[in-house]
N, C-alpha and C. Protein backbone atom coordinates (compact mmCIF):
# COMPACT_ATOMS: atom_id res chain seq x y z
N MET A 1 0.82 -1.09 -0.27
CA MET A 1 -0.04 0.02 -0.05
C MET A 1 0.83 1.26 0.04
N ALA A 2 1.82 1.31 0.58
CA ALA A 2 3.18 2.20 1.01
C ALA A 2 3.33 2.61 -0.33
N TYR A 3 3.88 1.61 -1.14
CA TYR A 3 4.11 1.45 -2.43
C TYR A 3 3.39 2.23 -3.48
N VAL A 4 2.50 1.96 -3.62
CA VAL A 4 1.70 2.52 -4.32
C VAL A 4 1.30 4.38 -3.90
N ASP A 5 1.24 4.54 -3.06
CA ASP A 5 0.36 5.91 -2.44
C ASP A 5 1.78 6.67 -2.38
N LEU A 6 2.83 6.10 -2.40
CA LEU A 6 4.54 7.03 -2.63
C LEU A 6 4.92 7.12 -4.11
N ASN A 7 4.47 6.22 -4.86
CA ASN A 7 4.80 6.34 -6.11
C ASN A 7 4.77 7.42 -6.98
N PRO A 8 3.62 8.32 -6.92
CA PRO A 8 3.18 9.83 -7.77
C PRO A 8 4.44 10.89 -7.05
N VAL A 9 4.24 10.37 -5.74
CA VAL A 9 5.20 11.20 -4.86
C VAL A 9 6.69 11.17 -4.74
N ARG A 10 7.41 10.07 -5.38
CA ARG A 10 8.88 10.06 -5.68
C ARG A 10 8.49 10.14 -7.40
N ALA A 11 7.85 10.23 -7.87
CA ALA A 11 7.94 10.38 -9.67
C ALA A 11 8.02 11.95 -9.50
N GLY A 12 7.50 12.72 -8.64
CA GLY A 12 7.41 14.26 -8.67
C GLY A 12 6.41 14.42 -9.22
N LEU A 13 4.98 13.97 -9.21
CA LEU A 13 4.08 14.29 -9.80
C LEU A 13 2.82 14.72 -8.84
N ALA A 14 3.53 14.48 -7.15
CA ALA A 14 2.76 15.36 -6.23
C ALA A 14 3.07 15.56 -5.04
N GLY A 15 3.25 16.07 -4.12
CA GLY A 15 4.18 16.59 -2.58
C GLY A 15 3.00 15.48 -2.05
N SER A 16 2.47 14.88 -1.82
CA SER A 16 1.91 14.23 -0.80
C SER A 16 1.00 12.96 -1.83
N PRO A 17 0.51 11.74 -0.77
CA PRO A 17 -0.47 10.89 -1.81
C PRO A 17 -1.58 12.00 -1.94
N ALA A 18 -2.04 12.43 -1.05
CA ALA A 18 -3.36 12.81 -0.76
C ALA A 18 -3.49 14.18 -2.05
N GLU A 19 -2.53 14.81 -2.54
CA GLU A 19 -2.47 15.83 -3.84
C GLU A 19 -2.75 15.00 -4.84
N TYR A 20 -2.42 13.47 -4.75
CA TYR A 20 -2.53 12.57 -6.31
C TYR A 20 -4.05 12.25 -6.77
N PRO A 21 -4.69 13.29 -7.67
CA PRO A 21 -5.83 13.24 -8.26
C PRO A 21 -6.32 11.45 -8.16
N TRP A 22 -5.27 10.75 -8.60
CA TRP A 22 -5.73 9.52 -9.13
C TRP A 22 -5.31 8.26 -8.03
N SER A 23 -5.61 8.98 -7.00
CA SER A 23 -5.22 8.13 -6.27
C SER A 23 -6.40 7.47 -4.97
N GLY A 24 -6.17 6.69 -4.16
CA GLY A 24 -7.51 6.27 -3.18
C GLY A 24 -6.91 6.85 -2.32
N HIS A 25 -5.77 7.70 -2.27
CA HIS A 25 -5.85 7.57 -0.83
C HIS A 25 -6.76 8.79 0.01
N GLY A 26 -7.65 9.66 -0.96
CA GLY A 26 -8.52 10.78 -0.29
C GLY A 26 -9.87 9.63 0.37
N ALA A 27 -9.97 8.73 -0.46
CA ALA A 27 -11.36 7.47 -0.13
C ALA A 27 -10.68 6.88 1.69
N LEU A 28 -8.83 6.63 1.21
CA LEU A 28 -8.74 6.28 2.45
C LEU A 28 -9.11 7.26 3.22
N ARG A 29 -8.27 7.99 3.47
CA ARG A 29 -8.31 9.15 4.53
C ARG A 29 -10.03 9.76 5.18
N GLU A 30 -10.71 9.26 4.26
CA GLU A 30 -12.16 9.69 4.78
C GLU A 30 -13.23 8.05 5.29
N GLU A 31 -12.13 7.43 4.76
CA GLU A 31 -12.58 5.67 5.09
C GLU A 31 -13.71 5.18 4.29
N ASP A 32 -13.68 5.61 2.89
CA ASP A 32 -14.36 5.76 2.19
C ASP A 32 -14.99 4.34 2.10
N GLY A 33 -15.69 3.18 2.27
CA GLY A 33 -15.95 1.70 2.03
C GLY A 33 -16.57 1.16 0.89
N GLY A 34 -16.98 3.07 0.46
CA GLY A 34 -18.21 3.00 -0.83
C GLY A 34 -16.90 2.56 -1.62
N GLN A 35 -16.36 3.34 -1.91
CA GLN A 35 -14.52 3.32 -2.66
C GLN A 35 -13.58 2.40 -2.81
N LEU A 36 -13.86 1.93 -1.20
CA LEU A 36 -12.42 1.18 -1.13
C LEU A 36 -12.69 -0.14 -0.51
N ALA A 37 -11.81 -1.18 -0.39
CA ALA A 37 -12.14 -2.31 0.26
C ALA A 37 -10.49 -2.26 1.50
N PHE A 38 -10.94 -2.30 2.63
CA PHE A 38 -9.85 -2.30 3.24
C PHE A 38 -8.96 -3.03 3.81
N HIS A 39 -7.86 -3.63 3.45
CA HIS A 39 -7.13 -4.86 3.82
C HIS A 39 -6.98 -4.77 5.45
N PRO A 40 -7.08 -6.51 5.95
CA PRO A 40 -6.88 -6.33 7.28
C PRO A 40 -5.83 -5.53 8.15
N LEU A 41 -4.45 -5.51 7.55
CA LEU A 41 -3.28 -4.70 8.14
C LEU A 41 -3.61 -3.33 8.37
N TYR A 42 -4.59 -2.78 7.65
CA TYR A 42 -4.65 -1.10 7.67
C TYR A 42 -5.71 -1.72 8.80
N LEU A 43 -6.56 -2.10 8.70
CA LEU A 43 -7.59 -2.31 9.73
C LEU A 43 -7.21 -2.60 11.09
N GLY A 44 -6.43 -2.92 11.17
CA GLY A 44 -5.65 -3.84 12.40
C GLY A 44 -4.68 -1.99 12.81
N LEU A 45 -4.43 -1.28 12.19
CA LEU A 45 -3.89 0.04 12.97
C LEU A 45 -3.96 0.90 13.32
N GLY A 46 -5.29 0.66 13.93
CA GLY A 46 -6.04 1.70 15.06
C GLY A 46 -7.81 0.41 15.26
N ALA A 47 -8.42 1.57 16.07
CA ALA A 47 -9.63 0.84 16.75
C ALA A 47 -10.43 1.91 16.01
N GLN A 48 -10.20 3.13 15.82
CA GLN A 48 -10.89 4.45 15.59
C GLN A 48 -10.54 4.81 14.01
N ALA A 49 -11.48 5.26 12.91
CA ALA A 49 -10.59 5.47 11.17
C ALA A 49 -9.35 6.57 11.75
N ALA A 50 -9.85 7.47 11.94
CA ALA A 50 -8.65 8.75 12.34
C ALA A 50 -7.46 8.20 13.24
N SER A 51 -7.16 7.16 13.94
CA SER A 51 -5.93 6.73 14.87
C SER A 51 -5.58 5.81 13.39
N ARG A 52 -6.43 4.97 12.99
CA ARG A 52 -6.12 3.88 11.84
C ARG A 52 -5.08 5.23 10.80
N TYR A 53 -5.80 5.99 9.86
CA TYR A 53 -5.33 7.00 9.45
C TYR A 53 -3.88 7.47 9.80
N ARG A 54 -3.96 8.28 11.14
CA ARG A 54 -2.36 8.63 11.75
C ARG A 54 -1.67 7.74 11.55
N ALA A 55 -2.10 6.47 11.82
CA ALA A 55 -0.84 5.39 12.41
C ALA A 55 -0.39 4.76 10.44
N TYR A 56 -1.14 5.22 9.24
CA TYR A 56 -0.75 4.90 8.23
C TYR A 56 0.07 5.78 7.57
N MET A 57 -0.05 6.85 8.18
CA MET A 57 0.62 8.37 7.75
C MET A 57 2.10 8.23 8.36
N GLU A 58 2.09 7.89 9.23
CA GLU A 58 3.04 7.83 10.42
C GLU A 58 4.09 6.81 8.96
N LEU A 59 3.50 5.43 9.10
CA LEU A 59 4.12 4.42 8.16
C LEU A 59 4.47 5.40 7.10
N LEU A 60 3.80 5.80 5.89
CA LEU A 60 4.39 6.30 4.95
C LEU A 60 5.69 7.58 4.94
N ALA A 61 5.57 8.44 6.43
CA ALA A 61 6.60 8.96 6.24
C ALA A 61 7.62 8.23 6.51
N ASP A 62 7.69 7.35 7.53
CA ASP A 62 9.00 6.19 7.49
C ASP A 62 9.40 5.38 6.29
N GLU A 63 8.63 5.44 5.06
CA GLU A 63 8.70 4.45 4.01
C GLU A 63 9.21 5.81 3.19
N ALA A 64 8.92 7.10 3.31
CA ALA A 64 9.31 8.10 2.24
C ALA A 64 10.95 8.04 2.60
N ALA A 65 11.21 8.27 3.91
CA ALA A 65 12.36 8.66 4.21
C ALA A 65 13.71 8.19 3.98
N ARG A 66 12.99 6.62 3.84
CA ARG A 66 13.94 5.49 3.21
C ARG A 66 14.34 5.79 1.95
N PRO A 67 15.66 5.46 1.50
CA PRO A 67 15.74 5.64 -0.06
C PRO A 67 15.10 4.86 -0.81
N ALA A 68 14.56 5.38 -2.25
CA ALA A 68 14.09 4.63 -3.05
C ALA A 68 15.09 3.18 -3.44
N GLN A 69 14.62 1.93 -3.93
CA GLN A 69 15.62 0.81 -4.21
C GLN A 69 14.74 0.34 -5.77
N SER A 70 15.20 0.42 -6.26
CA SER A 70 14.83 -0.14 -7.70
C SER A 70 15.32 -2.04 -7.94
N LEU A 71 14.64 -2.90 -8.00
CA LEU A 71 14.44 -4.17 -7.80
C LEU A 71 15.48 -4.66 -9.10
N ALA A 72 15.37 -3.45 -10.14
CA ALA A 72 15.52 -3.78 -11.29
C ALA A 72 17.42 -3.73 -11.38
N THR A 73 17.60 -2.88 -10.11
CA THR A 73 19.33 -3.01 -9.89
C THR A 73 19.46 -4.12 -8.89
N THR A 74 18.60 -4.98 -8.19
CA THR A 74 18.99 -5.90 -7.49
C THR A 74 18.92 -7.11 -8.04
N TYR A 75 17.78 -7.65 -8.44
CA TYR A 75 17.63 -8.98 -9.04
C TYR A 75 17.73 -9.01 -10.74
N PHE A 76 17.79 -10.06 -10.64
CA PHE A 76 18.18 -10.42 -12.69
C PHE A 76 17.04 -11.59 -12.62
N VAL A 77 16.18 -11.85 -13.64
CA VAL A 77 15.92 -12.76 -14.34
C VAL A 77 15.93 -13.63 -14.99
N GLY A 78 16.43 -14.49 -15.76
CA GLY A 78 16.83 -15.01 -17.19
C GLY A 78 18.08 -16.20 -17.18
N SER A 79 18.95 -16.11 -17.87
CA SER A 79 19.13 -17.69 -18.42
C SER A 79 20.95 -17.10 -17.12
N ARG A 80 21.57 -17.86 -16.52
CA ARG A 80 22.26 -17.61 -15.71
C ARG A 80 23.44 -17.19 -15.86
N ARG A 81 23.97 -17.16 -17.74
CA ARG A 81 24.55 -15.74 -18.33
C ARG A 81 24.13 -14.48 -18.49
N PHE A 82 23.18 -14.28 -18.95
CA PHE A 82 22.50 -12.71 -17.88
C PHE A 82 22.45 -12.21 -17.04
N ALA A 83 21.90 -13.56 -16.16
CA ALA A 83 21.90 -12.67 -14.70
C ALA A 83 22.99 -12.58 -13.98
N GLU A 84 24.58 -13.37 -14.55
CA GLU A 84 25.61 -13.27 -13.89
C GLU A 84 25.72 -11.62 -14.13
N GLY A 85 26.01 -12.01 -15.71
CA GLY A 85 26.64 -10.91 -16.46
C GLY A 85 26.28 -9.23 -15.57
N GLU A 86 24.74 -9.27 -15.62
CA GLU A 86 24.23 -8.32 -15.20
C GLU A 86 24.53 -7.56 -13.85
N ALA A 87 24.70 -9.00 -12.64
CA ALA A 87 25.05 -8.61 -11.77
C ALA A 87 26.38 -8.43 -11.38
N GLY A 88 27.45 -8.99 -12.46
CA GLY A 88 28.36 -8.77 -12.84
C GLY A 88 29.30 -7.30 -12.89
N LYS A 89 27.94 -6.26 -13.44
CA LYS A 89 27.89 -4.91 -13.66
C LYS A 89 27.63 -4.01 -12.52
N ARG A 90 27.13 -4.80 -11.53
CA ARG A 90 26.89 -3.84 -10.57
C ARG A 90 27.67 -4.85 -9.01
N ARG A 91 28.78 -5.01 -8.91
CA ARG A 91 29.17 -5.53 -8.36
C ARG A 91 29.33 -5.00 -6.87
N GLY A 92 29.26 -5.44 -5.85
CA GLY A 92 29.54 -4.62 -4.56
C GLY A 92 28.03 -3.55 -4.34
N SER A 93 27.06 -3.79 -5.51
CA SER A 93 26.06 -2.88 -4.77
C SER A 93 24.67 -4.21 -4.47
N GLY A 94 25.07 -5.30 -3.61
CA GLY A 94 24.33 -6.62 -3.42
C GLY A 94 23.71 -6.99 -4.42
N ALA A 95 23.88 -7.07 -5.90
CA ALA A 95 22.94 -7.70 -6.44
C ALA A 95 22.82 -8.99 -6.62
N ARG A 96 22.00 -9.85 -6.97
CA ARG A 96 21.68 -11.08 -6.99
C ARG A 96 21.20 -11.79 -8.08
N HIS A 97 20.94 -13.28 -8.15
CA HIS A 97 20.37 -13.42 -9.53
C HIS A 97 19.57 -14.47 -9.63
N THR A 98 18.84 -14.94 -10.18
CA THR A 98 17.82 -16.19 -10.07
C THR A 98 17.83 -17.09 -11.16
N THR A 99 17.83 -18.21 -11.34
CA THR A 99 17.76 -18.58 -12.34
C THR A 99 16.30 -19.72 -12.94
N LYS A 100 15.46 -18.95 -11.87
CA LYS A 100 14.30 -20.12 -12.10
C LYS A 100 13.51 -20.15 -13.02
N ALA A 101 13.65 -18.83 -13.78
CA ALA A 101 13.09 -18.45 -15.17
C ALA A 101 13.86 -18.54 -16.06
N GLN A 102 13.96 -19.57 -17.15
CA GLN A 102 15.02 -19.48 -18.04
C GLN A 102 14.50 -18.78 -19.59
N VAL A 103 15.40 -18.00 -19.45
CA VAL A 103 14.95 -17.07 -21.22
C VAL A 103 16.12 -18.55 -22.15
N PRO A 104 15.21 -18.18 -23.02
CA PRO A 104 15.56 -19.07 -24.32
C PRO A 104 17.10 -18.28 -24.77
């Protein structure tokens, strides 16, 4: 949820999740059950709508403070040769590879 809410902010399209017009964040703030189905983890953030929203905003602030990390520079899926080649370009970056999905 935080990833989706922070995408437009990190892309520079909005200053906050609430400012992005195509976001469900406004419905989340109002806890509009007609617009959104609330995840049990969100509902577990507090007993009342206001306390849940406050807790979620704190979670968003913590997440926004962390540097964004692209999985495209960390995980490589493809042939062993491809994955090892890409990981080699990024030695020291913590890059890993997987060969679960082989590309011909």
